Amino acid sequence: MGKTRSRSISDGDLKTRADRKFDKKVQFYETIRNAVAQKSITKEKKQRKRSRQKKLMAYDLSSLSDFLPEMKAPKESRPAEFKLNSKTRNNLVLKESNQLKTVINHPTFQSDPLGAIYQHLQSTQPAMDEKPKRKDRKTRKMKAKGKKSKALCGTQSMEI
């Protein structure tokens, strides 16, 4: 007993319908795959953004400004000279090149370049006041205890 169909469909129609169904399934799976990939990419971006924001929050010191005293901003004495456009840059280059030529041609520099530079720095730089640093009480006490314990150990070893 064979099965009969109510409609007669040729083999060519079956293949095309099957091919169409298969193509639709392939398209569906591709769209699903693309959607999943897009979602994972956006998820990674969101995670990066969140971690970046957490790091920024760790460095946020705005809450400390409530406790710090108000300070006035230092006044700029010569704002016009600090503007560096092409004209001022060219003037600065000319001035510095002339200064370099005079330094190189100076007899003291020609005889002893490092000594001349050292002498120049000594005369132009402000002298640093080096005060002896006071040690903390704790470090002084710890050193004193260390010396006493070493001295005691030395005498004990001699007694034995």
C-alpha atoms as a PDB file:
ATOM      1  CA  MET A   1       0.000   0.000   0.000  1.00  0.00           C
ATOM      2  CA  GLY A   2       1.636   3.095  -1.190  1.00  0.00           C
ATOM      3  CA  LYS A   3       0.882   6.578  -0.129  1.00  0.00           C
ATOM      4  CA  THR A   4      -0.765   8.797  -2.648  1.00  0.00           C
ATOM      5  CA  ARG A   5      -0.868  12.523  -2.672  1.00  0.00           C
ATOM      6  CA  SER A   6      -3.938  14.515  -3.330  1.00  0.00           C
ATOM      7  CA  ARG A   7      -2.001  16.950  -5.528  1.00  0.00           C
ATOM      8  CA  SER A   8       0.528  15.863  -7.974  1.00  0.00           C
ATOM      9  CA  ILE A   9       3.774  17.841  -7.544  1.00  0.00           C
ATOM     10  CA  SER A  10       6.646  17.350  -9.861  1.00  0.00           C
ATOM     11  CA  ASP A  11      10.188  16.746  -8.565  1.00  0.00           C
ATOM     12  CA  GLY A  12      11.320  20.179  -9.854  1.00  0.00           C
ATOM     13  CA  ASP A  13       8.768  21.987  -7.680  1.00  0.00           C
ATOM     14  CA  LEU A  14       9.874  20.009  -4.635  1.00  0.00           C
ATOM     15  CA  LYS A  15      13.489  20.978  -5.057  1.00  0.00           C
ATOM     16  CA  THR A  16      12.725  24.644  -5.462  1.00  0.00           C
ATOM     17  CA  ARG A  17      10.439  24.687  -2.449  1.00  0.00           C
ATOM     18  CA  ALA A  18      13.004  22.812  -0.403  1.00  0.00           C
ATOM     19  CA  ASP A  19      15.723  25.137  -1.633  1.00  0.00           C
ATOM     20  CA  ARG A  20      13.613  28.154  -0.689  1.00  0.00           C
ATOM     21  CA  LYS A  21      12.930  26.754   2.763  1.00  0.00           C
ATOM     22  CA  PHE A  22      16.607  26.012   3.224  1.00  0.00           C
ATOM     23  CA  ASP A  23      17.572  29.535   2.068  1.00  0.00           C
ATOM     24  CA  LYS A  24      15.074  31.059   4.478  1.00  0.00           C
ATOM     25  CA  LYS A  25      16.509  29.016   7.346  1.00  0.00           C
ATOM     26  CA  VAL A  26      20.052  30.036   6.406  1.00  0.00           C
ATOM     27  CA  GLN A  27      19.007  33.692   6.300  1.00  0.00           C
ATOM     28  CA  PHE A  28      17.297  33.362   9.669  1.00  0.00           C
ATOM     29  CA  TYR A  29      20.371  31.792  11.265  1.00  0.00           C
ATOM     30  CA  GLU A  30      22.601  34.490   9.767  1.00  0.00           C
ATOM     31  CA  THR A  31      20.423  37.260  11.173  1.00  0.00           C
ATOM     32  CA  ILE A  32      20.433  35.548  14.565  1.00  0.00           C
ATOM     33  CA  ARG A  33      24.232  35.150  14.418  1.00  0.00           C
ATOM     34  CA  ASN A  34      24.665  38.822  13.469  1.00  0.00           C
ATOM     35  CA  ALA A  35      22.319  39.963  16.235  1.00  0.00           C
ATOM     36  CA  VAL A  36      24.217  37.915  18.821  1.00  0.00           C
ATOM     37  CA  ALA A  37      27.534  39.283  17.579  1.00  0.00           C
ATOM     38  CA  GLN A  38      26.253  42.882  17.739  1.00  0.00           C
ATOM     39  CA  LYS A  39      24.902  42.307  21.218  1.00  0.00           C
ATOM     40  CA  SER A  40      28.216  40.894  22.449  1.00  0.00           C
ATOM     41  CA  ILE A  41      30.107  43.836  20.921  1.00  0.00           C
ATOM     42  CA  THR A  42      27.816  46.380  22.557  1.00  0.00           C
ATOM     43  CA  LYS A  43      28.047  44.457  25.829  1.00  0.00           C
ATOM     44  CA  GLU A  44      31.855  44.623  25.717  1.00  0.00           C
ATOM     45  CA  LYS A  45      31.704  48.347  24.946  1.00  0.00           C
ATOM     46  CA  LYS A  46      29.365  48.921  27.861  1.00  0.00           C
ATOM     47  CA  GLN A  47      31.653  46.953  30.177  1.00  0.00           C
ATOM     48  CA  ARG A  48      34.669  48.989  29.056  1.00  0.00           C
ATOM     49  CA  LYS A  49      32.730  52.200  29.556  1.00  0.00           C
ATOM     50  CA  ARG A  50      31.630  51.111  33.030  1.00  0.00           C
ATOM     51  CA  SER A  51      35.157  50.172  34.074  1.00  0.00           C
ATOM     52  CA  ARG A  52      36.497  53.451  32.702  1.00  0.00           C
ATOM     53  CA  GLN A  53      33.882  55.363  34.696  1.00  0.00           C
ATOM     54  CA  LYS A  54      34.765  53.417  37.847  1.00  0.00           C
ATOM     55  CA  LYS A  55      38.412  54.327  37.402  1.00  0.00           C
ATOM     56  CA  LEU A  56      37.475  57.974  36.915  1.00  0.00           C
ATOM     57  CA  MET A  57      35.354  57.870  40.053  1.00  0.00           C
ATOM     58  CA  ALA A  58      38.349  56.579  41.997  1.00  0.00           C
ATOM     59  CA  TYR A  59      40.329  59.653  40.962  1.00  0.00           C
ATOM     60  CA  ASP A  60      37.482  62.081  41.606  1.00  0.00           C
ATOM     61  CA  LEU A  61      38.688  64.487  44.287  1.00  0.00           C
ATOM     62  CA  SER A  62      35.847  66.991  44.003  1.00  0.00           C
ATOM     63  CA  SER A  63      34.538  66.046  47.453  1.00  0.00           C
ATOM     64  CA  LEU A  64      37.811  67.243  48.973  1.00  0.00           C
ATOM     65  CA  SER A  65      37.269  70.747  47.646  1.00  0.00           C
ATOM     66  CA  ASP A  66      34.609  71.270  50.331  1.00  0.00           C
ATOM     67  CA  PHE A  67      37.202  70.818  53.061  1.00  0.00           C
ATOM     68  CA  LEU A  68      40.096  72.700  51.495  1.00  0.00           C
ATOM     69  CA  PRO A  69      40.471  76.448  52.002  1.00  0.00           C
ATOM     70  CA  GLU A  70      39.738  78.721  49.076  1.00  0.00           C
ATOM     71  CA  MET A  71      42.804  79.882  47.211  1.00  0.00           C
ATOM     72  CA  LYS A  72      43.067  82.717  44.771  1.00  0.00           C
ATOM     73  CA  ALA A  73      44.508  81.940  41.382  1.00  0.00           C
ATOM     74  CA  PRO A  74      47.917  83.542  40.779  1.00  0.00           C
ATOM     75  CA  LYS A  75      47.740  86.579  38.558  1.00  0.00           C
ATOM     76  CA  GLU A  76      49.527  86.390  35.258  1.00  0.00           C
ATOM     77  CA  SER A  77      52.145  89.108  35.126  1.00  0.00           C
ATOM     78  CA  ARG A  78      52.851  89.083  31.395  1.00  0.00           C
ATOM     79  CA  PRO A  79      50.273  87.166  29.386  1.00  0.00           C
ATOM     80  CA  ALA A  80      51.245  88.912  26.124  1.00  0.00           C
ATOM     81  CA  GLU A  81      54.782  87.489  26.143  1.00  0.00           C
ATOM     82  CA  PHE A  82      53.628  83.919  26.589  1.00  0.00           C
ATOM     83  CA  LYS A  83      51.542  83.962  23.440  1.00  0.00           C
ATOM     84  CA  LEU A  84      53.633  82.103  20.932  1.00  0.00           C
ATOM     85  CA  ASN A  85      52.726  82.857  17.370  1.00  0.00           C
ATOM     86  CA  SER A  86      54.987  82.691  14.325  1.00  0.00           C
ATOM     87  CA  LYS A  87      56.318  86.239  14.712  1.00  0.00           C
ATOM     88  CA  THR A  88      57.285  85.883  18.371  1.00  0.00           C
ATOM     89  CA  ARG A  89      58.691  82.412  17.706  1.00  0.00           C
ATOM     90  CA  ASN A  90      60.933  83.779  14.944  1.00  0.00           C
ATOM     91  CA  ASN A  91      62.106  86.612  17.201  1.00  0.00           C
ATOM     92  CA  LEU A  92      62.826  84.152  19.980  1.00  0.00           C
ATOM     93  CA  VAL A  93      64.814  81.886  17.646  1.00  0.00           C
ATOM     94  CA  LEU A  94      66.885  84.823  16.405  1.00  0.00           C
ATOM     95  CA  LYS A  95      67.544  86.054  19.935  1.00  0.00           C
ATOM     96  CA  GLU A  96      68.573  82.595  21.189  1.00  0.00           C
ATOM     97  CA  SER A  97      70.793  81.901  18.166  1.00  0.00           C
ATOM     98  CA  ASN A  98      72.640  85.194  18.725  1.00  0.00           C
ATOM     99  CA  GLN A  99      73.053  84.326  22.400  1.00  0.00           C
ATOM    100  CA  LEU A 100      74.429  80.894  21.492  1.00  0.00           C
ATOM    101  CA  LYS A 101      76.950  82.412  19.075  1.00  0.00           C
ATOM    102  CA  THR A 102      78.233  84.817  21.725  1.00  0.00           C
ATOM    103  CA  VAL A 103      78.562  82.005  24.275  1.00  0.00           C
ATOM    104  CA  ILE A 104      80.447  79.758  21.843  1.00  0.00           C
ATOM    105  CA  ASN A 105      82.797  82.587  20.842  1.00  0.00           C
ATOM    106  CA  HIS A 106      83.545  83.562  24.471  1.00  0.00           C
ATOM    107  CA  PRO A 107      87.175  82.710  25.410  1.00  0.00           C
ATOM    108  CA  THR A 108      86.258  81.228  28.809  1.00  0.00           C
ATOM    109  CA  PHE A 109      83.815  78.835  27.191  1.00  0.00           C
ATOM    110  CA  GLN A 110      86.362  77.877  24.525  1.00  0.00           C
ATOM    111  CA  SER A 111      89.021  77.046  27.098  1.00  0.00           C
ATOM    112  CA  ASP A 112      86.800  75.126  29.546  1.00  0.00           C
ATOM    113  CA  PRO A 113      83.163  74.604  28.408  1.00  0.00           C
ATOM    114  CA  LEU A 114      81.949  72.617  31.437  1.00  0.00           C
ATOM    115  CA  GLY A 115      83.648  74.956  33.892  1.00  0.00           C
ATOM    116  CA  ALA A 116      82.085  77.967  32.189  1.00  0.00           C
ATOM    117  CA  ILE A 117      78.628  76.379  32.335  1.00  0.00           C
ATOM    118  CA  TYR A 118      79.135  75.489  35.986  1.00  0.00           C
ATOM    119  CA  GLN A 119      80.287  79.024  36.795  1.00  0.00           C
ATOM    120  CA  HIS A 120      77.298  80.480  34.944  1.00  0.00           C
ATOM    121  CA  LEU A 121      74.877  78.282  36.861  1.00  0.00           C
ATOM    122  CA  GLN A 122      76.501  79.193  40.163  1.00  0.00           C
ATOM    123  CA  SER A 123      76.095  82.891  39.437  1.00  0.00           C
ATOM    124  CA  THR A 124      72.558  82.776  38.008  1.00  0.00           C
ATOM    125  CA  GLN A 125      70.781  80.123  40.083  1.00  0.00           C
ATOM    126  CA  PRO A 126      69.642  81.024  43.607  1.00  0.00           C
ATOM    127  CA  ALA A 127      71.628  79.458  46.391  1.00  0.00           C
ATOM    128  CA  MET A 128      69.888  76.581  48.095  1.00  0.00           C
ATOM    129  CA  ASP A 129      69.719  76.807  51.866  1.00  0.00           C
ATOM    130  CA  GLU A 130      70.462  73.329  53.105  1.00  0.00           C
ATOM    131  CA  LYS A 131      69.320  72.996  56.675  1.00  0.00           C
ATOM    132  CA  PRO A 132      70.103  69.769  58.474  1.00  0.00           C
ATOM    133  CA  LYS A 133      67.019  67.620  58.496  1.00  0.00           C
ATOM    134  CA  ARG A 134      65.624  66.817  61.903  1.00  0.00           C
ATOM    135  CA  LYS A 135      64.797  63.219  62.394  1.00  0.00           C
ATOM    136  CA  ASP A 136      61.514  62.130  63.836  1.00  0.00           C
ATOM    137  CA  ARG A 137      61.398  61.129  67.464  1.00  0.00           C
ATOM    138  CA  LYS A 138      60.436  57.593  66.531  1.00  0.00           C
ATOM    139  CA  THR A 139      63.420  57.077  64.271  1.00  0.00           C
ATOM    140  CA  ARG A 140      65.773  58.560  66.874  1.00  0.00           C
ATOM    141  CA  LYS A 141      64.325  56.318  69.586  1.00  0.00           C
ATOM    142  CA  MET A 142      64.511  53.259  67.361  1.00  0.00           C
ATOM    143  CA  LYS A 143      68.127  53.944  66.504  1.00  0.00           C
ATOM    144  CA  ALA A 144      68.981  54.509  70.164  1.00  0.00           C
ATOM    145  CA  LYS A 145      67.280  51.245  71.122  1.00  0.00           C
ATOM    146  CA  GLY A 146      69.114  49.458  68.327  1.00  0.00           C
ATOM    147  CA  LYS A 147      72.455  50.748  69.544  1.00  0.00           C
ATOM    148  CA  LYS A 148      71.640  49.794  73.149  1.00  0.00           C
ATOM    149  CA  SER A 149      70.536  46.302  72.177  1.00  0.00           C
ATOM    150  CA  LYS A 150      73.676  45.822  70.080  1.00  0.00           C
ATOM    151  CA  ALA A 151      75.808  47.004  72.982  1.00  0.00           C
ATOM    152  CA  LEU A 152      74.012  44.649  75.372  1.00  0.00           C
ATOM    153  CA  CYS A 153      74.410  41.728  72.997  1.00  0.00           C
ATOM    154  CA  GLY A 154      78.101  42.447  72.706  1.00  0.00           C
ATOM    155  CA  THR A 155      78.612  42.499  76.470  1.00  0.00           C
ATOM    156  CA  GLN A 156      76.543  39.385  76.990  1.00  0.00           C
ATOM    157  CA  SER A 157      78.557  37.453  74.479  1.00  0.00           C
ATOM    158  CA  MET A 158      81.715  38.511  76.259  1.00  0.00           C
ATOM    159  CA  GLU A 159      80.380  37.300  79.627  1.00  0.00           C
ATOM    160  CA  ILE A 160      79.583  33.848  78.342  1.00  0.00           C
END
